[in-house]
Amino acid sequence: MSRDKIDVEYFFRELPEAIEELHKKIDRLSEHVKAIQNQSDHVPESMDVEQAANFLNIAVRTVYDKVYKRQLPAYKKGKNLYFYKEELYSYIASGKLKTHEEIKREAEAYIKTQKLNLT
């Protein structure tokens, strides 16, 4: 047998083990990538004033006014203002208009408590 033929036969005998080892390495790399992604998911996304204005669809001047009036959550570092996207979502959600059904339930609950206080 020639040397090349022996090398090829050896290669094919070792191929399943080599593939299995590659699969293990790929699995470890995938786990590592997922861990890094999970870490970056926990880091809140920050914005500057212009980005916050675009996100809220309001003027930059309005952002400054709302921060000054303490209506909008913000962080100041030096002369710069920063906002966290999650807090801006909460700000938007806090302005939710109640449905007729929600108002009705609140009114009924209020009347019940008032009746209890009168007796």
PDB file of N, CA and C in Angstrom:
ATOM      1  N   MET A   1       0.829  -1.194   0.000  1.00  0.00           N
ATOM      2  CA  MET A   1       0.000   0.000   0.000  1.00  0.00           C
ATOM      3  C   MET A   1       0.865   1.246   0.000  1.00  0.00           C
ATOM      4  N   SER A   2       0.396   2.229  -0.701  1.00  0.00           N
ATOM      5  CA  SER A   2       1.138   3.481  -0.720  1.00  0.00           C
ATOM      6  C   SER A   2       0.832   4.303   0.526  1.00  0.00           C
ATOM      7  N   ARG A   3       1.702   5.220   0.816  1.00  0.00           N
ATOM      8  CA  ARG A   3       1.546   6.066   2.011  1.00  0.00           C
ATOM      9  C   ARG A   3       0.276   6.907   1.931  1.00  0.00           C
ATOM     10  N   ASP A   4      -0.056   7.424   0.738  1.00  0.00           N
ATOM     11  CA  ASP A   4      -1.257   8.245   0.575  1.00  0.00           C
ATOM     12  C   ASP A   4      -2.522   7.450   0.885  1.00  0.00           C
ATOM     13  N   LYS A   5      -2.560   6.207   0.457  1.00  0.00           N
ATOM     14  CA  LYS A   5      -3.731   5.367   0.697  1.00  0.00           C
ATOM     15  C   LYS A   5      -3.903   5.084   2.187  1.00  0.00           C
ATOM     16  N   ILE A   6      -2.788   4.879   2.898  1.00  0.00           N
ATOM     17  CA  ILE A   6      -2.843   4.647   4.347  1.00  0.00           C
ATOM     18  C   ILE A   6      -3.365   5.893   5.056  1.00  0.00           C
ATOM     19  N   ASP A   7      -2.880   7.066   4.660  1.00  0.00           N
ATOM     20  CA  ASP A   7      -3.327   8.312   5.265  1.00  0.00           C
ATOM     21  C   ASP A   7      -4.825   8.531   5.056  1.00  0.00           C
ATOM     22  N   VAL A   8      -5.318   8.242   3.884  1.00  0.00           N
ATOM     23  CA  VAL A   8      -6.741   8.407   3.582  1.00  0.00           C
ATOM     24  C   VAL A   8      -7.572   7.434   4.413  1.00  0.00           C
ATOM     25  N   GLU A   9      -7.125   6.194   4.513  1.00  0.00           N
ATOM     26  CA  GLU A   9      -7.859   5.212   5.322  1.00  0.00           C
ATOM     27  C   GLU A   9      -7.886   5.634   6.785  1.00  0.00           C
ATOM     28  N   TYR A  10      -6.752   6.114   7.286  1.00  0.00           N
ATOM     29  CA  TYR A  10      -6.681   6.580   8.668  1.00  0.00           C
ATOM     30  C   TYR A  10      -7.638   7.754   8.860  1.00  0.00           C
ATOM     31  N   PHE A  11      -7.634   8.661   7.922  1.00  0.00           N
ATOM     32  CA  PHE A  11      -8.499   9.834   7.983  1.00  0.00           C
ATOM     33  C   PHE A  11      -9.964   9.413   8.067  1.00  0.00           C
ATOM     34  N   PHE A  12     -10.401   8.488   7.236  1.00  0.00           N
ATOM     35  CA  PHE A  12     -11.796   8.061   7.233  1.00  0.00           C
ATOM     36  C   PHE A  12     -12.165   7.313   8.516  1.00  0.00           C
ATOM     37  N   ARG A  13     -11.228   6.566   9.087  1.00  0.00           N
ATOM     38  CA  ARG A  13     -11.509   5.882  10.358  1.00  0.00           C
ATOM     39  C   ARG A  13     -11.678   6.893  11.494  1.00  0.00           C
ATOM     40  N   GLU A  14     -10.926   7.979  11.447  1.00  0.00           N
ATOM     41  CA  GLU A  14     -10.955   8.997  12.503  1.00  0.00           C
ATOM     42  C   GLU A  14     -12.038  10.055  12.268  1.00  0.00           C
ATOM     43  N   LEU A  15     -12.633  10.066  11.110  1.00  0.00           N
ATOM     44  CA  LEU A  15     -13.610  11.098  10.748  1.00  0.00           C
ATOM     45  C   LEU A  15     -14.795  11.181  11.714  1.00  0.00           C
ATOM     46  N   PRO A  16     -15.449  10.076  12.090  1.00  0.00           N
ATOM     47  CA  PRO A  16     -16.577  10.191  13.026  1.00  0.00           C
ATOM     48  C   PRO A  16     -16.182  10.841  14.356  1.00  0.00           C
ATOM     49  N   GLU A  17     -15.021  10.490  14.883  1.00  0.00           N
ATOM     50  CA  GLU A  17     -14.567  11.100  16.141  1.00  0.00           C
ATOM     51  C   GLU A  17     -14.285  12.586  15.951  1.00  0.00           C
ATOM     52  N   ALA A  18     -13.693  12.934  14.821  1.00  0.00           N
ATOM     53  CA  ALA A  18     -13.396  14.342  14.543  1.00  0.00           C
ATOM     54  C   ALA A  18     -14.684  15.150  14.420  1.00  0.00           C
ATOM     55  N   ILE A  19     -15.682  14.584  13.752  1.00  0.00           N
ATOM     56  CA  ILE A  19     -16.969  15.268  13.610  1.00  0.00           C
ATOM     57  C   ILE A  19     -17.635  15.434  14.970  1.00  0.00           C
ATOM     58  N   GLU A  20     -17.576  14.399  15.797  1.00  0.00           N
ATOM     59  CA  GLU A  20     -18.162  14.479  17.132  1.00  0.00           C
ATOM     60  C   GLU A  20     -17.478  15.577  17.957  1.00  0.00           C
ATOM     61  N   GLU A  21     -16.183  15.664  17.855  1.00  0.00           N
ATOM     62  CA  GLU A  21     -15.435  16.704  18.580  1.00  0.00           C
ATOM     63  C   GLU A  21     -15.824  18.092  18.081  1.00  0.00           C
ATOM     64  N   LEU A  22     -15.989  18.224  16.770  1.00  0.00           N
ATOM     65  CA  LEU A  22     -16.428  19.509  16.206  1.00  0.00           C
ATOM     66  C   LEU A  22     -17.819  19.886  16.714  1.00  0.00           C
ATOM     67  N   HIS A  23     -18.721  18.915  16.793  1.00  0.00           N
ATOM     68  CA  HIS A  23     -20.064  19.179  17.322  1.00  0.00           C
ATOM     69  C   HIS A  23     -19.990  19.679  18.761  1.00  0.00           C
ATOM     70  N   LYS A  24     -19.141  19.048  19.558  1.00  0.00           N
ATOM     71  CA  LYS A  24     -18.984  19.472  20.960  1.00  0.00           C
ATOM     72  C   LYS A  24     -18.472  20.905  21.040  1.00  0.00           C
ATOM     73  N   LYS A  25     -17.507  21.232  20.195  1.00  0.00           N
ATOM     74  CA  LYS A  25     -16.957  22.588  20.196  1.00  0.00           C
ATOM     75  C   LYS A  25     -18.008  23.601  19.748  1.00  0.00           C
ATOM     76  N   ILE A  26     -18.787  23.243  18.750  1.00  0.00           N
ATOM     77  CA  ILE A  26     -19.849  24.128  18.276  1.00  0.00           C
ATOM     78  C   ILE A  26     -20.885  24.339  19.383  1.00  0.00           C
ATOM     79  N   ASP A  27     -21.241  23.279  20.099  1.00  0.00           N
ATOM     80  CA  ASP A  27     -22.193  23.400  21.205  1.00  0.00           C
ATOM     81  C   ASP A  27     -21.665  24.331  22.289  1.00  0.00           C
ATOM     82  N   ARG A  28     -20.376  24.181  22.625  1.00  0.00           N
ATOM     83  CA  ARG A  28     -19.776  25.054  23.648  1.00  0.00           C
ATOM     84  C   ARG A  28     -19.767  26.508  23.174  1.00  0.00           C
ATOM     85  N   LEU A  29     -19.445  26.717  21.914  1.00  0.00           N
ATOM     86  CA  LEU A  29     -19.459  28.078  21.365  1.00  0.00           C
ATOM     87  C   LEU A  29     -20.873  28.661  21.372  1.00  0.00           C
ATOM     88  N   SER A  30     -21.863  27.853  21.032  1.00  0.00           N
ATOM     89  CA  SER A  30     -23.255  28.314  21.042  1.00  0.00           C
ATOM     90  C   SER A  30     -23.680  28.728  22.441  1.00  0.00           C
ATOM     91  N   GLU A  31     -23.300  27.927  23.440  1.00  0.00           N
ATOM     92  CA  GLU A  31     -23.626  28.269  24.830  1.00  0.00           C
ATOM     93  C   GLU A  31     -22.944  29.567  25.240  1.00  0.00           C
ATOM     94  N   HIS A  32     -21.715  29.738  24.810  1.00  0.00           N
ATOM     95  CA  HIS A  32     -20.976  30.959  25.135  1.00  0.00           C
ATOM     96  C   HIS A  32     -21.646  32.181  24.497  1.00  0.00           C
ATOM     97  N   VAL A  33     -22.048  32.059  23.244  1.00  0.00           N
ATOM     98  CA  VAL A  33     -22.725  33.155  22.549  1.00  0.00           C
ATOM     99  C   VAL A  33     -24.045  33.494  23.246  1.00  0.00           C
ATOM    100  N   LYS A  34     -24.808  32.471  23.643  1.00  0.00           N
ATOM    101  CA  LYS A  34     -26.068  32.712  24.352  1.00  0.00           C
ATOM    102  C   LYS A  34     -25.828  33.427  25.668  1.00  0.00           C
ATOM    103  N   ALA A  35     -24.779  33.044  26.384  1.00  0.00           N
ATOM    104  CA  ALA A  35     -24.457  33.692  27.659  1.00  0.00           C
ATOM    105  C   ALA A  35     -24.132  35.168  27.445  1.00  0.00           C
ATOM    106  N   ILE A  36     -23.379  35.460  26.401  1.00  0.00           N
ATOM    107  CA  ILE A  36     -23.038  36.854  26.090  1.00  0.00           C
ATOM    108  C   ILE A  36     -24.288  37.627  25.710  1.00  0.00           C
ATOM    109  N   GLN A  37     -25.171  37.024  24.921  1.00  0.00           N
ATOM    110  CA  GLN A  37     -26.415  37.689  24.539  1.00  0.00           C
ATOM    111  C   GLN A  37     -27.283  37.954  25.754  1.00  0.00           C
ATOM    112  N   ASN A  38     -27.367  37.013  26.672  1.00  0.00           N
ATOM    113  CA  ASN A  38     -28.157  37.202  27.888  1.00  0.00           C
ATOM    114  C   ASN A  38     -27.598  38.338  28.730  1.00  0.00           C
ATOM    115  N   GLN A  39     -26.282  38.457  28.792  1.00  0.00           N
ATOM    116  CA  GLN A  39     -25.682  39.560  29.532  1.00  0.00           C
ATOM    117  C   GLN A  39     -26.038  40.886  28.895  1.00  0.00           C
ATOM    118  N   SER A  40     -25.992  40.951  27.580  1.00  0.00           N
ATOM    119  CA  SER A  40     -26.299  42.213  26.905  1.00  0.00           C
ATOM    120  C   SER A  40     -27.788  42.525  26.979  1.00  0.00           C
ATOM    121  N   ASP A  41     -28.644  41.506  27.154  1.00  0.00           N
ATOM    122  CA  ASP A  41     -30.072  41.749  27.308  1.00  0.00           C
ATOM    123  C   ASP A  41     -30.375  42.455  28.618  1.00  0.00           C
ATOM    124  N   HIS A  42     -29.529  42.261  29.627  1.00  0.00           N
ATOM    125  CA  HIS A  42     -29.769  42.861  30.933  1.00  0.00           C
ATOM    126  C   HIS A  42     -29.242  44.291  31.031  1.00  0.00           C
ATOM    127  N   VAL A  43     -28.472  44.718  30.059  1.00  0.00           N
ATOM    128  CA  VAL A  43     -27.960  46.080  30.060  1.00  0.00           C
ATOM    129  C   VAL A  43     -29.028  46.976  29.443  1.00  0.00           C
ATOM    130  N   PRO A  44     -29.532  47.946  30.210  1.00  0.00           N
ATOM    131  CA  PRO A  44     -30.583  48.797  29.658  1.00  0.00           C
ATOM    132  C   PRO A  44     -30.058  49.661  28.512  1.00  0.00           C
ATOM    133  N   GLU A  45     -30.900  49.838  27.530  1.00  0.00           N
ATOM    134  CA  GLU A  45     -30.524  50.642  26.375  1.00  0.00           C
ATOM    135  C   GLU A  45     -30.728  52.112  26.712  1.00  0.00           C
ATOM    136  N   SER A  46     -29.675  52.896  26.567  1.00  0.00           N
ATOM    137  CA  SER A  46     -29.768  54.321  26.895  1.00  0.00           C
ATOM    138  C   SER A  46     -29.870  55.158  25.627  1.00  0.00           C
ATOM    139  N   MET A  47     -30.385  56.380  25.816  1.00  0.00           N
ATOM    140  CA  MET A  47     -30.568  57.306  24.695  1.00  0.00           C
ATOM    141  C   MET A  47     -30.149  58.700  25.131  1.00  0.00           C
ATOM    142  N   ASP A  48     -29.771  59.508  24.161  1.00  0.00           N
ATOM    143  CA  ASP A  48     -29.528  60.916  24.456  1.00  0.00           C
ATOM    144  C   ASP A  48     -30.836  61.682  24.238  1.00  0.00           C
ATOM    145  N   VAL A  49     -30.786  62.990  24.368  1.00  0.00           N
ATOM    146  CA  VAL A  49     -32.003  63.808  24.291  1.00  0.00           C
ATOM    147  C   VAL A  49     -32.673  63.684  22.921  1.00  0.00           C
ATOM    148  N   GLU A  50     -31.894  63.754  21.869  1.00  0.00           N
ATOM    149  CA  GLU A  50     -32.479  63.687  20.526  1.00  0.00           C
ATOM    150  C   GLU A  50     -33.115  62.328  20.261  1.00  0.00           C
ATOM    151  N   GLN A  51     -32.447  61.268  20.696  1.00  0.00           N
ATOM    152  CA  GLN A  51     -33.004  59.929  20.500  1.00  0.00           C
ATOM    153  C   GLN A  51     -34.294  59.772  21.312  1.00  0.00           C
ATOM    154  N   ALA A  52     -34.303  60.298  22.533  1.00  0.00           N
ATOM    155  CA  ALA A  52     -35.502  60.222  23.363  1.00  0.00           C
ATOM    156  C   ALA A  52     -36.643  61.006  22.723  1.00  0.00           C
ATOM    157  N   ALA A  53     -36.339  62.172  22.176  1.00  0.00           N
ATOM    158  CA  ALA A  53     -37.362  62.975  21.501  1.00  0.00           C
ATOM    159  C   ALA A  53     -37.937  62.218  20.314  1.00  0.00           C
ATOM    160  N   ASN A  54     -37.084  61.594  19.519  1.00  0.00           N
ATOM    161  CA  ASN A  54     -37.558  60.801  18.376  1.00  0.00           C
ATOM    162  C   ASN A  54     -38.395  59.622  18.842  1.00  0.00           C
ATOM    163  N   PHE A  55     -37.925  58.953  19.895  1.00  0.00           N
ATOM    164  CA  PHE A  55     -38.639  57.797  20.432  1.00  0.00           C
ATOM    165  C   PHE A  55     -40.036  58.194  20.915  1.00  0.00           C
ATOM    166  N   LEU A  56     -40.138  59.336  21.608  1.00  0.00           N
ATOM    167  CA  LEU A  56     -41.422  59.798  22.146  1.00  0.00           C
ATOM    168  C   LEU A  56     -42.235  60.588  21.129  1.00  0.00           C
ATOM    169  N   ASN A  57     -41.619  60.878  19.997  1.00  0.00           N
ATOM    170  CA  ASN A  57     -42.260  61.657  18.937  1.00  0.00           C
ATOM    171  C   ASN A  57     -42.671  63.041  19.446  1.00  0.00           C
ATOM    172  N   ILE A  58     -41.746  63.694  20.157  1.00  0.00           N
ATOM    173  CA  ILE A  58     -41.952  65.053  20.643  1.00  0.00           C
ATOM    174  C   ILE A  58     -40.704  65.865  20.321  1.00  0.00           C
ATOM    175  N   ALA A  59     -40.807  67.174  20.457  1.00  0.00           N
ATOM    176  CA  ALA A  59     -39.683  68.061  20.165  1.00  0.00           C
ATOM    177  C   ALA A  59     -38.617  67.951  21.257  1.00  0.00           C
ATOM    178  N   VAL A  60     -37.386  68.223  20.888  1.00  0.00           N
ATOM    179  CA  VAL A  60     -36.280  68.193  21.843  1.00  0.00           C
ATOM    180  C   VAL A  60     -36.554  69.179  22.972  1.00  0.00           C
ATOM    181  N   ARG A  61     -37.067  70.354  22.650  1.00  0.00           N
ATOM    182  CA  ARG A  61     -37.391  71.370  23.662  1.00  0.00           C
ATOM    183  C   ARG A  61     -38.412  70.818  24.667  1.00  0.00           C
ATOM    184  N   THR A  62     -39.380  70.052  24.179  1.00  0.00           N
ATOM    185  CA  THR A  62     -40.386  69.449  25.054  1.00  0.00           C
ATOM    186  C   THR A  62     -39.741  68.439  26.003  1.00  0.00           C
ATOM    187  N   VAL A  63     -38.753  67.704  25.514  1.00  0.00           N
ATOM    188  CA  VAL A  63     -38.034  66.756  26.378  1.00  0.00           C
ATOM    189  C   VAL A  63     -37.376  67.528  27.519  1.00  0.00           C
ATOM    190  N   TYR A  64     -36.674  68.614  27.187  1.00  0.00           N
ATOM    191  CA  TYR A  64     -36.031  69.421  28.228  1.00  0.00           C
ATOM    192  C   TYR A  64     -37.057  69.972  29.219  1.00  0.00           C
ATOM    193  N   ASP A  65     -38.194  70.445  28.709  1.00  0.00           N
ATOM    194  CA  ASP A  65     -39.245  70.972  29.588  1.00  0.00           C
ATOM    195  C   ASP A  65     -39.770  69.901  30.531  1.00  0.00           C
ATOM    196  N   LYS A  66     -40.029  68.720  30.007  1.00  0.00           N
ATOM    197  CA  LYS A  66     -40.559  67.632  30.833  1.00  0.00           C
ATOM    198  C   LYS A  66     -39.538  67.173  31.876  1.00  0.00           C
ATOM    199  N   VAL A  67     -38.264  67.184  31.520  1.00  0.00           N
ATOM    200  CA  VAL A  67     -37.224  66.827  32.482  1.00  0.00           C
ATOM    201  C   VAL A  67     -37.161  67.896  33.573  1.00  0.00           C
ATOM    202  N   TYR A  68     -37.210  69.158  33.173  1.00  0.00           N
ATOM    203  CA  TYR A  68     -37.172  70.264  34.132  1.00  0.00           C
ATOM    204  C   TYR A  68     -38.336  70.181  35.113  1.00  0.00           C
ATOM    205  N   LYS A  69     -39.518  69.820  34.607  1.00  0.00           N
ATOM    206  CA  LYS A  69     -40.719  69.701  35.449  1.00  0.00           C
ATOM    207  C   LYS A  69     -40.791  68.362  36.177  1.00  0.00           C
ATOM    208  N   ARG A  70     -39.745  67.527  36.004  1.00  0.00           N
ATOM    209  CA  ARG A  70     -39.674  66.199  36.635  1.00  0.00           C
ATOM    210  C   ARG A  70     -40.825  65.288  36.192  1.00  0.00           C
ATOM    211  N   GLN A  71     -41.256  65.454  34.959  1.00  0.00           N
ATOM    212  CA  GLN A  71     -42.308  64.610  34.393  1.00  0.00           C
ATOM    213  C   GLN A  71     -41.731  63.430  33.633  1.00  0.00           C
ATOM    214  N   LEU A  72     -40.478  63.544  33.259  1.00  0.00           N
ATOM    215  CA  LEU A  72     -39.828  62.535  32.430  1.00  0.00           C
ATOM    216  C   LEU A  72     -38.582  62.031  33.159  1.00  0.00           C
ATOM    217  N   PRO A  73     -38.441  60.701  33.338  1.00  0.00           N
ATOM    218  CA  PRO A  73     -37.268  60.179  34.039  1.00  0.00           C
ATOM    219  C   PRO A  73     -35.999  60.363  33.203  1.00  0.00           C
ATOM    220  N   ALA A  74     -34.984  60.958  33.822  1.00  0.00           N
ATOM    221  CA  ALA A  74     -33.739  61.229  33.095  1.00  0.00           C
ATOM    222  C   ALA A  74     -32.558  61.114  34.049  1.00  0.00           C
ATOM    223  N   TYR A  75     -31.375  60.988  33.463  1.00  0.00           N
ATOM    224  CA  TYR A  75     -30.127  60.917  34.210  1.00  0.00           C
ATOM    225  C   TYR A  75     -29.192  61.968  33.639  1.00  0.00           C
ATOM    226  N   LYS A  76     -28.514  62.673  34.524  1.00  0.00           N
ATOM    227  CA  LYS A  76     -27.609  63.718  34.070  1.00  0.00           C
ATOM    228  C   LYS A  76     -26.183  63.343  34.433  1.00  0.00           C
ATOM    229  N   LYS A  77     -25.330  63.377  33.437  1.00  0.00           N
ATOM    230  CA  LYS A  77     -23.903  63.118  33.626  1.00  0.00           C
ATOM    231  C   LYS A  77     -23.178  64.293  32.992  1.00  0.00           C
ATOM    232  N   GLY A  78     -22.607  65.148  33.829  1.00  0.00           N
ATOM    233  CA  GLY A  78     -21.999  66.372  33.308  1.00  0.00           C
ATOM    234  C   GLY A  78     -23.107  67.269  32.787  1.00  0.00           C
ATOM    235  N   LYS A  79     -22.977  67.697  31.546  1.00  0.00           N
ATOM    236  CA  LYS A  79     -24.002  68.549  30.933  1.00  0.00           C
ATOM    237  C   LYS A  79     -24.995  67.741  30.095  1.00  0.00           C
ATOM    238  N   ASN A  80     -24.803  66.444  30.038  1.00  0.00           N
ATOM    239  CA  ASN A  80     -25.625  65.611  29.160  1.00  0.00           C
ATOM    240  C   ASN A  80     -26.743  64.910  29.910  1.00  0.00           C
ATOM    241  N   LEU A  81     -27.883  64.790  29.255  1.00  0.00           N
ATOM    242  CA  LEU A  81     -29.017  64.031  29.779  1.00  0.00           C
ATOM    243  C   LEU A  81     -29.086  62.690  29.062  1.00  0.00           C
ATOM    244  N   TYR A  82     -29.442  61.654  29.828  1.00  0.00           N
ATOM    245  CA  TYR A  82     -29.602  60.320  29.268  1.00  0.00           C
ATOM    246  C   TYR A  82     -30.917  59.723  29.733  1.00  0.00           C
ATOM    247  N   PHE A  83     -31.456  58.846  28.924  1.00  0.00           N
ATOM    248  CA  PHE A  83     -32.740  58.217  29.204  1.00  0.00           C
ATOM    249  C   PHE A  83     -32.613  56.725  28.940  1.00  0.00           C
ATOM    250  N   TYR A  84     -33.325  55.942  29.728  1.00  0.00           N
ATOM    251  CA  TYR A  84     -33.369  54.508  29.488  1.00  0.00           C
ATOM    252  C   TYR A  84     -34.670  54.180  28.770  1.00  0.00           C
ATOM    253  N   LYS A  85     -34.541  53.399  27.715  1.00  0.00           N
ATOM    254  CA  LYS A  85     -35.679  53.056  26.875  1.00  0.00           C
ATOM    255  C   LYS A  85     -36.813  52.430  27.691  1.00  0.00           C
ATOM    256  N   GLU A  86     -36.466  51.530  28.589  1.00  0.00           N
ATOM    257  CA  GLU A  86     -37.483  50.853  29.400  1.00  0.00           C
ATOM    258  C   GLU A  86     -38.274  51.855  30.249  1.00  0.00           C
ATOM    259  N   GLU A  87     -37.582  52.857  30.786  1.00  0.00           N
ATOM    260  CA  GLU A  87     -38.270  53.882  31.584  1.00  0.00           C
ATOM    261  C   GLU A  87     -39.149  54.764  30.714  1.00  0.00           C
ATOM    262  N   LEU A  88     -38.740  54.989  29.483  1.00  0.00           N
ATOM    263  CA  LEU A  88     -39.583  55.773  28.567  1.00  0.00           C
ATOM    264  C   LEU A  88     -40.829  54.982  28.182  1.00  0.00           C
ATOM    265  N   TYR A  89     -40.696  53.658  28.043  1.00  0.00           N
ATOM    266  CA  TYR A  89     -41.879  52.819  27.810  1.00  0.00           C
ATOM    267  C   TYR A  89     -42.846  52.946  28.988  1.00  0.00           C
ATOM    268  N   SER A  90     -42.306  52.917  30.198  1.00  0.00           N
ATOM    269  CA  SER A  90     -43.147  53.054  31.396  1.00  0.00           C
ATOM    270  C   SER A  90     -43.817  54.418  31.430  1.00  0.00           C
ATOM    271  N   TYR A  91     -43.080  55.456  31.032  1.00  0.00           N
ATOM    272  CA  TYR A  91     -43.645  56.805  30.970  1.00  0.00           C
ATOM    273  C   TYR A  91     -44.830  56.838  30.011  1.00  0.00           C
ATOM    274  N   ILE A  92     -44.655  56.227  28.864  1.00  0.00           N
ATOM    275  CA  ILE A  92     -45.741  56.184  27.878  1.00  0.00           C
ATOM    276  C   ILE A  92     -46.924  55.412  28.451  1.00  0.00           C
ATOM    277  N   ALA A  93     -46.656  54.264  29.075  1.00  0.00           N
ATOM    278  CA  ALA A  93     -47.727  53.421  29.621  1.00  0.00           C
ATOM    279  C   ALA A  93     -48.477  54.119  30.748  1.00  0.00           C
ATOM    280  N   SER A  94     -47.803  55.013  31.467  1.00  0.00           N
ATOM    281  CA  SER A  94     -48.461  55.698  32.579  1.00  0.00           C
ATOM    282  C   SER A  94     -49.554  56.643  32.093  1.00  0.00           C
ATOM    283  N   GLY A  95     -49.542  56.986  30.830  1.00  0.00           N
ATOM    284  CA  GLY A  95     -50.551  57.876  30.273  1.00  0.00           C
ATOM    285  C   GLY A  95     -51.701  57.132  29.613  1.00  0.00           C
ATOM    286  N   LYS A  96     -51.831  55.854  29.945  1.00  0.00           N
ATOM    287  CA  LYS A  96     -52.872  55.030  29.336  1.00  0.00           C
ATOM    288  C   LYS A  96     -54.258  55.594  29.659  1.00  0.00           C
ATOM    289  N   LEU A  97     -55.064  55.723  28.649  1.00  0.00           N
ATOM    290  CA  LEU A  97     -56.446  56.145  28.839  1.00  0.00           C
ATOM    291  C   LEU A  97     -57.284  54.935  29.236  1.00  0.00           C
ATOM    292  N   LYS A  98     -58.109  55.100  30.239  1.00  0.00           N
ATOM    293  CA  LYS A  98     -58.930  53.988  30.718  1.00  0.00           C
ATOM    294  C   LYS A  98     -60.100  53.751  29.770  1.00  0.00           C
ATOM    295  N   THR A  99     -60.483  52.485  29.658  1.00  0.00           N
ATOM    296  CA  THR A  99     -61.644  52.140  28.843  1.00  0.00           C
ATOM    297  C   THR A  99     -62.910  52.428  29.645  1.00  0.00           C
ATOM    298  N   HIS A 100     -64.038  52.442  28.963  1.00  0.00           N
ATOM    299  CA  HIS A 100     -65.315  52.659  29.652  1.00  0.00           C
ATOM    300  C   HIS A 100     -65.530  51.586  30.716  1.00  0.00           C
ATOM    301  N   GLU A 101     -65.171  50.373  30.403  1.00  0.00           N
ATOM    302  CA  GLU A 101     -65.346  49.259  31.344  1.00  0.00           C
ATOM    303  C   GLU A 101     -64.495  49.470  32.600  1.00  0.00           C
ATOM    304  N   GLU A 102     -63.256  49.919  32.431  1.00  0.00           N
ATOM    305  CA  GLU A 102     -62.393  50.172  33.589  1.00  0.00           C
ATOM    306  C   GLU A 102     -62.950  51.292  34.462  1.00  0.00           C
ATOM    307  N   ILE A 103     -63.447  52.345  33.833  1.00  0.00           N
ATOM    308  CA  ILE A 103     -64.042  53.465  34.579  1.00  0.00           C
ATOM    309  C   ILE A 103     -65.274  52.996  35.334  1.00  0.00           C
ATOM    310  N   LYS A 104     -66.086  52.181  34.688  1.00  0.00           N
ATOM    311  CA  LYS A 104     -67.302  51.667  35.326  1.00  0.00           C
ATOM    312  C   LYS A 104     -66.957  50.827  36.555  1.00  0.00           C
ATOM    313  N   ARG A 105     -65.960  49.944  36.420  1.00  0.00           N
ATOM    314  CA  ARG A 105     -65.548  49.100  37.553  1.00  0.00           C
ATOM    315  C   ARG A 105     -65.016  49.939  38.709  1.00  0.00           C
ATOM    316  N   GLU A 106     -64.218  50.955  38.392  1.00  0.00           N
ATOM    317  CA  GLU A 106     -63.690  51.826  39.442  1.00  0.00           C
ATOM    318  C   GLU A 106     -64.808  52.595  40.137  1.00  0.00           C
ATOM    319  N   ALA A 107     -65.790  53.068  39.358  1.00  0.00           N
ATOM    320  CA  ALA A 107     -66.914  53.802  39.942  1.00  0.00           C
ATOM    321  C   ALA A 107     -67.734  52.894  40.854  1.00  0.00           C
ATOM    322  N   GLU A 108     -67.986  51.672  40.426  1.00  0.00           N
ATOM    323  CA  GLU A 108     -68.743  50.727  41.251  1.00  0.00           C
ATOM    324  C   GLU A 108     -67.992  50.406  42.541  1.00  0.00           C
ATOM    325  N   ALA A 109     -66.696  50.230  42.442  1.00  0.00           N
ATOM    326  CA  ALA A 109     -65.885  49.946  43.626  1.00  0.00           C
ATOM    327  C   ALA A 109     -65.893  51.145  44.570  1.00  0.00           C
ATOM    328  N   TYR A 110     -65.836  52.334  44.034  1.00  0.00           N
ATOM    329  CA  TYR A 110     -65.868  53.546  44.853  1.00  0.00           C
ATOM    330  C   TYR A 110     -67.201  53.681  45.569  1.00  0.00           C
ATOM    331  N   ILE A 111     -68.297  53.433  44.844  1.00  0.00           N
ATOM    332  CA  ILE A 111     -69.637  53.534  45.450  1.00  0.00           C
ATOM    333  C   ILE A 111     -69.778  52.525  46.575  1.00  0.00           C
ATOM    334  N   LYS A 112     -69.288  51.328  46.381  1.00  0.00           N
ATOM    335  CA  LYS A 112     -69.362  50.298  47.440  1.00  0.00           C
ATOM    336  C   LYS A 112     -68.615  50.745  48.678  1.00  0.00           C
ATOM    337  N   THR A 113     -67.427  51.308  48.503  1.00  0.00           N
ATOM    338  CA  THR A 113     -66.647  51.744  49.679  1.00  0.00           C
ATOM    339  C   THR A 113     -67.314  52.919  50.356  1.00  0.00           C
ATOM    340  N   GLN A 114     -67.958  53.788  49.598  1.00  0.00           N
ATOM    341  CA  GLN A 114     -68.649  54.942  50.185  1.00  0.00           C
ATOM    342  C   GLN A 114     -69.885  54.493  50.977  1.00  0.00           C
ATOM    343  N   LYS A 115     -70.590  53.503  50.452  1.00  0.00           N
ATOM    344  CA  LYS A 115     -71.758  52.980  51.154  1.00  0.00           C
ATOM    345  C   LYS A 115     -71.335  52.339  52.482  1.00  0.00           C
ATOM    346  N   LEU A 116     -70.206  51.655  52.475  1.00  0.00           N
ATOM    347  CA  LEU A 116     -69.698  51.028  53.698  1.00  0.00           C
ATOM    348  C   LEU A 116     -69.304  52.092  54.726  1.00  0.00           C
ATOM    349  N   ASN A 117     -68.786  53.215  54.279  1.00  0.00           N
ATOM    350  CA  ASN A 117     -68.370  54.269  55.185  1.00  0.00           C
ATOM    351  C   ASN A 117     -69.569  55.022  55.770  1.00  0.00           C
ATOM    352  N   LEU A 118     -70.680  55.046  55.055  1.00  0.00           N
ATOM    353  CA  LEU A 118     -71.874  55.762  55.518  1.00  0.00           C
ATOM    354  C   LEU A 118     -72.630  54.964  56.580  1.00  0.00           C
ATOM    355  N   THR A 119     -72.519  53.659  56.565  1.00  0.00           N
ATOM    356  CA  THR A 119     -73.274  52.854  57.530  1.00  0.00           C
ATOM    357  C   THR A 119     -72.564  52.676  58.832  1.00  0.00           C
TER     358      THR A 119
END
